[in-house]
Amino acid sequence: MKKKTFICMIFISFSLFCHTQIKLPVQLDALSGPQVIEAAKTSGGVCLLPLGILEKHGAHLPISTDLIIAREIALKAAEEEYCVVFPAYYFGQINEARHQPGAFAYSHSTIWNLLQETLDELSRNGFKKIILVNGHGGNNDFIQYFLMSQLESPKEYVVINYAPQFDSTFAQSLEKLLDPLGYGHAGSDETSMVQAIRPDLVHPELASRQSGEDLKRLDSIPDQYTGIWWYARFPNHFGGESSHPNVEYGRQFNNQMVKQLVGLIKAVKASDKIEELQQEFYERAKNPLNTPQ
C-alpha cells in the first residue's frame, strides 16, 4: 500500500513538473483558453500588433512583404522579452495602390473600426498595453491620427506605436552595405530585409521588369499636397532599384529593429507613466474649466 502511494505521489509530482515546464507560446492564436489568462499575466499585459498590408512590391517580392517583416521583428522580440503577438493583420491604408494587382484596399471605415475593435477585444482579454509594430509606410499617417483619436473618450488600455530611431553611427554603417539609389518601396533595402527572412520568396532577377524611377510628375506645382502624390511619382508602385540586395544589410537592420523593440517592451512593462498621464488627461477633459491655468 505504501509502495503504491509512493508511486502515485511520484506520478503526480512528475505531472505537475511537466505542466509547469510548458513554455507559453508568444503567438496569441497558439494559446489555449487557460493559457490566455496566464499569458496576460506573464506578459504584464503587453501585446504586439504587427501591422502589414497586401500590396504589390515590384515583380520580385511577395505582396505580403510588409507583414512578413513586421511579424518577424515582433515574434523575435517577444521570444526575447515575453509578450504576446497578435495574428496576421493586413488591414490598413493602401488606396494609392488600387490600380495594381494584389492590393487589398479596404474602406477607411472598415480599417478604422477593425483596429478599434481589435484593441477593445485585446483589452477585454487582459492585454492593456498594446504596441503597434507597423511595417507599411502607407499606414503612418493613419496610425498617428488614429492614436490621437483615442483621446476622444476614456479607454481602459494604452496604445503605443513603435517608432524606432537608429543611432547615427549604426545607420551610417548600415548604409555602406547598399547603393543609396536602391532605397525605396520594394527597393534594395526592403528586398534585403525579406531576403534575410524568406529568401525563397525573393527574386531580384525579376526586379528589372518594371522601372522604379521617380517620375516627379507634380514637381511643377509648388506648395501642395494631394492624395495622388505617390501615383504621380511611382505609377508602377515600385520605387528605387533592387537587383542587388544584400542579405547582411537585411540581417543587421532586422536585428536592430528587434533589439530596440525589446527595449520598448521592457520599458512599457516597467512603467505605468503612459497610463497615468492618459487617465489624468481623461479626468481633466471632463471639465476643462477646472484645469489649473
Protein backbone atom coordinates (compact mmCIF):
# COMPACT_ATOMS: atom_id res chain seq x y z
CA MET A 1 0.00 0.00 0.00
CA LYS A 2 2.82 2.35 0.91
CA LYS A 3 4.62 1.47 -2.32
CA LYS A 4 1.54 2.30 -4.41
CA THR A 5 1.08 5.59 -2.57
CA PHE A 6 4.73 6.49 -3.16
CA ILE A 7 4.50 5.69 -6.87
CA CYS A 8 1.29 7.71 -7.13
CA MET A 9 2.94 10.70 -5.46
CA ILE A 10 5.89 10.49 -7.87
CA PHE A 11 3.50 10.38 -10.83
CA ILE A 12 1.56 13.43 -9.57
CA SER A 13 4.78 15.36 -8.92
CA PHE A 14 6.09 14.50 -12.38
CA SER A 15 2.80 15.58 -13.97
CA LEU A 16 2.90 18.89 -12.12
CA PHE A 17 6.54 19.38 -13.12
CA CYS A 18 5.72 18.75 -16.81
CA HIS A 19 2.82 21.15 -16.60
CA THR A 20 4.92 23.95 -15.15
CA GLN A 21 7.61 23.38 -17.78
CA ILE A 22 5.28 24.01 -20.74
CA LYS A 23 6.55 27.10 -22.50
CA LEU A 24 3.90 29.67 -23.23
CA PRO A 25 3.65 30.39 -26.96
CA VAL A 26 4.15 34.02 -27.96
CA GLN A 27 1.60 33.76 -30.76
CA LEU A 28 -1.84 34.63 -29.44
CA ASP A 29 -3.56 32.20 -31.79
CA ALA A 30 -1.40 29.33 -30.47
CA LEU A 31 -2.56 29.81 -26.87
CA SER A 32 -5.28 27.70 -25.30
CA GLY A 33 -8.09 29.42 -23.41
CA PRO A 34 -6.49 28.95 -19.97
CA GLN A 35 -3.11 29.96 -21.39
CA VAL A 36 -4.53 33.34 -22.45
CA ILE A 37 -5.05 34.13 -18.75
CA GLU A 38 -1.52 33.04 -17.94
CA ALA A 39 -0.05 34.92 -20.91
CA ALA A 40 -1.79 38.16 -19.96
CA LYS A 41 -0.19 37.95 -16.51
CA THR A 42 3.24 36.76 -17.64
CA SER A 43 3.47 39.43 -20.33
CA GLY A 44 2.49 42.22 -17.97
CA GLY A 45 -0.49 42.79 -20.23
CA VAL A 46 1.72 43.57 -23.24
CA CYS A 47 0.62 42.53 -26.72
CA LEU A 48 2.34 43.33 -30.00
CA LEU A 49 0.14 44.01 -33.01
CA PRO A 50 2.24 43.79 -36.20
CA LEU A 51 0.54 45.77 -38.96
CA GLY A 52 1.15 44.89 -42.58
CA ILE A 53 -0.69 45.18 -45.86
CA LEU A 54 -1.30 43.28 -49.07
CA GLU A 55 0.15 45.31 -51.95
CA LYS A 56 2.41 44.97 -54.94
CA HIS A 57 6.13 45.06 -54.18
CA GLY A 58 7.60 45.17 -57.65
CA ALA A 59 7.81 41.98 -59.69
CA HIS A 60 10.28 40.37 -57.31
CA LEU A 61 8.72 40.43 -53.81
CA PRO A 62 5.52 38.94 -52.33
CA ILE A 63 2.51 41.16 -51.73
CA SER A 64 2.78 40.31 -48.01
CA THR A 65 6.29 41.82 -47.74
CA ASP A 66 5.40 44.40 -45.07
CA LEU A 67 3.61 41.84 -42.93
CA ILE A 68 6.48 39.33 -43.22
CA ILE A 69 8.97 41.90 -41.92
CA ALA A 70 6.76 43.29 -39.15
CA ARG A 71 5.82 39.84 -37.84
CA GLU A 72 9.40 38.57 -37.89
CA ILE A 73 10.55 41.53 -35.81
CA ALA A 74 7.62 41.19 -33.38
CA LEU A 75 7.97 37.43 -32.93
CA LYS A 76 11.72 37.60 -32.28
CA ALA A 77 11.29 40.43 -29.80
CA ALA A 78 8.52 38.55 -27.97
CA GLU A 79 10.72 35.45 -27.69
CA GLU A 80 13.43 37.54 -26.07
CA GLU A 81 11.15 39.55 -23.75
CA TYR A 82 7.94 37.62 -23.29
CA CYS A 83 4.76 39.16 -24.57
CA VAL A 84 2.01 38.08 -26.94
CA VAL A 85 1.89 38.66 -30.69
CA PHE A 86 -1.45 39.11 -32.46
CA PRO A 87 -2.18 37.00 -35.58
CA ALA A 88 -1.52 38.21 -39.13
CA TYR A 89 -3.12 41.63 -39.58
CA TYR A 90 -3.13 43.12 -43.09
CA PHE A 91 -5.96 45.67 -42.85
CA GLY A 92 -4.54 49.12 -43.48
CA GLN A 93 -4.41 52.13 -45.76
CA ILE A 94 -3.39 51.27 -49.33
CA ASN A 95 -5.66 53.30 -51.60
CA GLU A 96 -2.63 54.53 -53.58
CA ALA A 97 -2.12 51.02 -54.99
CA ARG A 98 -5.69 50.24 -56.04
CA HIS A 99 -4.64 50.31 -59.70
CA GLN A 100 -2.17 47.43 -59.17
CA PRO A 101 -2.84 43.68 -58.87
CA GLY A 102 -2.54 42.26 -55.37
CA ALA A 103 -3.66 45.37 -53.48
CA PHE A 104 -6.46 44.78 -50.98
CA ALA A 105 -7.75 48.24 -50.14
CA TYR A 106 -10.50 48.07 -47.55
CA SER A 107 -12.67 51.11 -46.90
CA HIS A 108 -11.49 53.73 -44.42
CA SER A 109 -14.38 52.91 -42.07
CA THR A 110 -13.51 49.22 -42.14
CA ILE A 111 -9.83 49.63 -41.29
CA TRP A 112 -10.67 52.17 -38.58
CA ASN A 113 -13.40 50.11 -36.92
CA LEU A 114 -11.47 46.86 -37.21
CA LEU A 115 -8.42 48.30 -35.49
CA GLN A 116 -10.51 49.91 -32.75
CA GLU A 117 -12.48 46.75 -32.07
CA THR A 118 -9.33 44.62 -32.15
CA LEU A 119 -7.80 46.84 -29.46
CA ASP A 120 -11.03 46.72 -27.44
CA GLU A 121 -11.07 42.93 -27.60
CA LEU A 122 -7.41 42.65 -26.63
CA SER A 123 -8.15 44.80 -23.60
CA ARG A 124 -11.19 42.71 -22.71
CA ASN A 125 -8.91 39.65 -22.75
CA GLY A 126 -6.41 41.19 -20.35
CA PHE A 127 -3.92 42.96 -22.63
CA LYS A 128 -3.85 46.60 -21.52
CA LYS A 129 -0.55 47.68 -23.08
CA ILE A 130 -0.71 47.27 -26.83
CA ILE A 131 2.24 48.09 -29.08
CA LEU A 132 1.69 48.59 -32.80
CA VAL A 133 4.59 47.32 -34.92
CA ASN A 134 3.92 48.83 -38.31
CA GLY A 135 5.65 47.51 -41.42
CA HIS A 136 3.79 49.59 -44.01
CA GLY A 137 4.67 53.21 -44.79
CA GLY A 138 1.16 53.91 -46.08
CA ASN A 139 -0.16 53.31 -42.55
CA ASN A 140 1.92 56.02 -40.87
CA ASP A 141 -0.48 58.96 -41.17
CA PHE A 142 -3.47 56.74 -40.45
CA ILE A 143 -1.87 55.40 -37.25
CA GLN A 144 -0.92 58.83 -35.93
CA TYR A 145 -4.41 60.22 -36.39
CA PHE A 146 -5.94 57.01 -35.00
CA LEU A 147 -3.83 57.30 -31.85
CA MET A 148 -4.86 60.93 -31.35
CA SER A 149 -8.49 59.84 -31.69
CA GLN A 150 -8.08 57.60 -28.64
CA LEU A 151 -8.28 60.78 -26.55
CA GLU A 152 -11.90 61.35 -27.59
CA SER A 153 -13.21 59.02 -24.90
CA PRO A 154 -11.69 57.13 -21.94
CA LYS A 155 -10.01 53.81 -22.66
CA GLU A 156 -9.01 51.07 -20.22
CA TYR A 157 -5.80 50.47 -22.15
CA VAL A 158 -2.97 52.32 -23.85
CA VAL A 159 -1.85 52.01 -27.46
CA ILE A 160 1.74 52.74 -28.39
CA ASN A 161 3.25 52.96 -31.85
CA TYR A 162 6.76 51.52 -32.11
CA ALA A 163 8.77 54.34 -33.70
CA PRO A 164 12.48 53.37 -33.64
CA GLN A 165 15.25 55.87 -34.33
CA PHE A 166 18.59 54.33 -35.25
CA ASP A 167 21.80 55.59 -33.72
CA SER A 168 23.62 57.66 -36.38
CA THR A 169 26.77 55.53 -36.19
CA PHE A 170 24.81 52.34 -36.77
CA ALA A 171 22.76 53.95 -39.54
CA GLN A 172 25.90 55.07 -41.35
CA SER A 173 27.48 51.62 -41.10
CA LEU A 174 24.28 50.11 -42.46
CA GLU A 175 24.12 52.48 -45.41
CA LYS A 176 27.58 51.37 -46.56
CA LEU A 177 26.13 47.96 -47.42
CA LEU A 178 23.82 49.26 -50.15
CA ASP A 179 23.78 51.65 -53.07
CA PRO A 180 21.81 54.74 -51.88
CA LEU A 181 19.99 54.84 -55.22
CA GLY A 182 18.44 51.48 -54.42
CA TYR A 183 16.44 52.61 -51.39
CA GLY A 184 12.67 52.80 -51.73
CA HIS A 185 9.44 50.86 -51.87
CA ALA A 186 10.46 47.30 -52.84
CA GLY A 187 13.96 48.73 -53.27
CA SER A 188 17.22 47.04 -52.37
CA ASP A 189 16.76 47.85 -48.67
CA GLU A 190 13.34 46.24 -48.35
CA THR A 191 14.38 43.40 -50.65
CA SER A 192 17.36 42.69 -48.36
CA MET A 193 15.09 42.58 -45.30
CA VAL A 194 12.82 39.96 -46.84
CA GLN A 195 15.80 38.04 -48.18
CA ALA A 196 17.10 37.71 -44.61
CA ILE A 197 13.77 36.20 -43.52
CA ARG A 198 12.26 34.38 -46.51
CA PRO A 199 14.88 34.03 -49.28
CA ASP A 200 12.58 31.61 -51.08
CA LEU A 201 10.17 34.47 -51.81
CA VAL A 202 12.74 36.91 -53.21
CA HIS A 203 13.51 37.05 -56.95
CA PRO A 204 15.83 40.03 -57.60
CA GLU A 205 16.40 38.82 -61.15
CA LEU A 206 12.82 39.90 -61.90
CA ALA A 207 13.17 43.40 -60.44
CA SER A 208 14.16 45.00 -63.74
CA ARG A 209 10.89 44.03 -65.41
CA GLN A 210 9.46 47.37 -64.32
CA SER A 211 11.00 50.73 -63.53
CA GLY A 212 11.18 52.15 -60.01
CA GLU A 213 12.14 55.60 -61.29
CA ASP A 214 10.61 58.67 -59.65
CA LEU A 215 8.70 60.41 -62.47
CA LYS A 216 8.19 63.64 -60.46
CA ARG A 217 5.03 64.44 -62.42
CA LEU A 218 3.76 67.06 -59.96
CA ASP A 219 7.04 68.83 -59.27
CA SER A 220 5.96 71.75 -61.46
CA ILE A 221 3.18 72.63 -58.98
CA PRO A 222 4.69 74.10 -55.78
CA ASP A 223 3.38 74.20 -52.21
CA GLN A 224 0.82 71.44 -52.45
CA TYR A 225 -0.11 68.00 -51.19
CA THR A 226 -2.61 65.72 -52.88
CA GLY A 227 -3.69 62.13 -52.41
CA ILE A 228 -2.39 61.29 -55.88
CA TRP A 229 1.19 62.29 -54.94
CA TRP A 230 2.52 58.72 -54.76
CA TYR A 231 0.97 57.66 -58.06
CA ALA A 232 2.35 60.82 -59.67
CA ARG A 233 5.85 59.77 -58.65
CA PHE A 234 5.75 55.97 -58.81
CA PRO A 235 2.93 54.69 -61.06
CA ASN A 236 4.44 51.19 -61.04
CA HIS A 237 4.11 51.17 -57.24
CA PHE A 238 7.81 50.42 -57.08
CA GLY A 239 10.46 52.90 -56.03
CA GLY A 240 14.22 52.53 -56.16
CA GLU A 241 16.31 49.70 -57.56
CA SER A 242 16.56 46.20 -56.16
CA SER A 243 18.60 43.97 -58.42
CA HIS A 244 21.49 43.99 -55.92
CA PRO A 245 20.13 43.28 -52.42
CA ASN A 246 22.49 42.48 -49.56
CA VAL A 247 21.31 39.86 -47.08
CA GLU A 248 23.75 41.19 -44.48
CA TYR A 249 22.00 44.55 -44.61
CA GLY A 250 18.71 42.74 -44.04
CA ARG A 251 20.05 40.79 -41.06
CA GLN A 252 21.56 43.83 -39.38
CA PHE A 253 18.51 46.02 -39.96
CA ASN A 254 16.06 43.40 -38.71
CA ASN A 255 18.21 42.57 -35.67
CA GLN A 256 18.44 46.22 -34.69
CA MET A 257 14.69 46.60 -35.02
CA VAL A 258 14.26 43.59 -32.71
CA LYS A 259 16.78 44.93 -30.21
CA GLN A 260 15.08 48.31 -29.92
CA LEU A 261 11.62 46.75 -29.73
CA VAL A 262 12.78 44.56 -26.85
CA GLY A 263 13.91 47.74 -25.11
CA LEU A 264 10.47 49.30 -25.61
CA ILE A 265 8.69 46.21 -24.29
CA LYS A 266 10.84 46.22 -21.14
CA ALA A 267 10.23 49.93 -20.60
CA VAL A 268 6.47 49.56 -21.05
CA LYS A 269 6.39 46.65 -18.60
CA ALA A 270 8.37 48.60 -16.01
CA SER A 271 6.40 51.84 -16.18
CA ASP A 272 2.77 52.91 -15.94
CA LYS A 273 3.58 56.51 -16.84
CA ILE A 274 1.61 56.47 -20.09
CA GLU A 275 -1.45 55.05 -18.34
CA GLU A 276 -1.18 57.61 -15.53
CA LEU A 277 -0.92 60.58 -17.87
CA GLN A 278 -3.70 59.28 -20.09
CA GLN A 279 -6.02 58.87 -17.10
CA GLU A 280 -5.07 62.34 -15.84
CA PHE A 281 -5.96 63.75 -19.27
CA TYR A 282 -9.33 61.97 -19.33
CA GLU A 283 -10.20 63.35 -15.89
CA ARG A 284 -9.26 66.91 -16.78
CA ALA A 285 -11.07 66.70 -20.12
CA LYS A 286 -14.35 66.14 -18.25
CA ASN A 287 -14.27 69.75 -17.08
CA PRO A 288 -11.50 71.83 -18.70
CA LEU A 289 -12.51 74.88 -16.62
CA ASN A 290 -11.07 73.12 -13.58
CA THR A 291 -7.71 72.54 -15.19
CA PRO A 292 -5.04 74.68 -13.45
CA GLN A 293 -4.08 77.69 -15.56
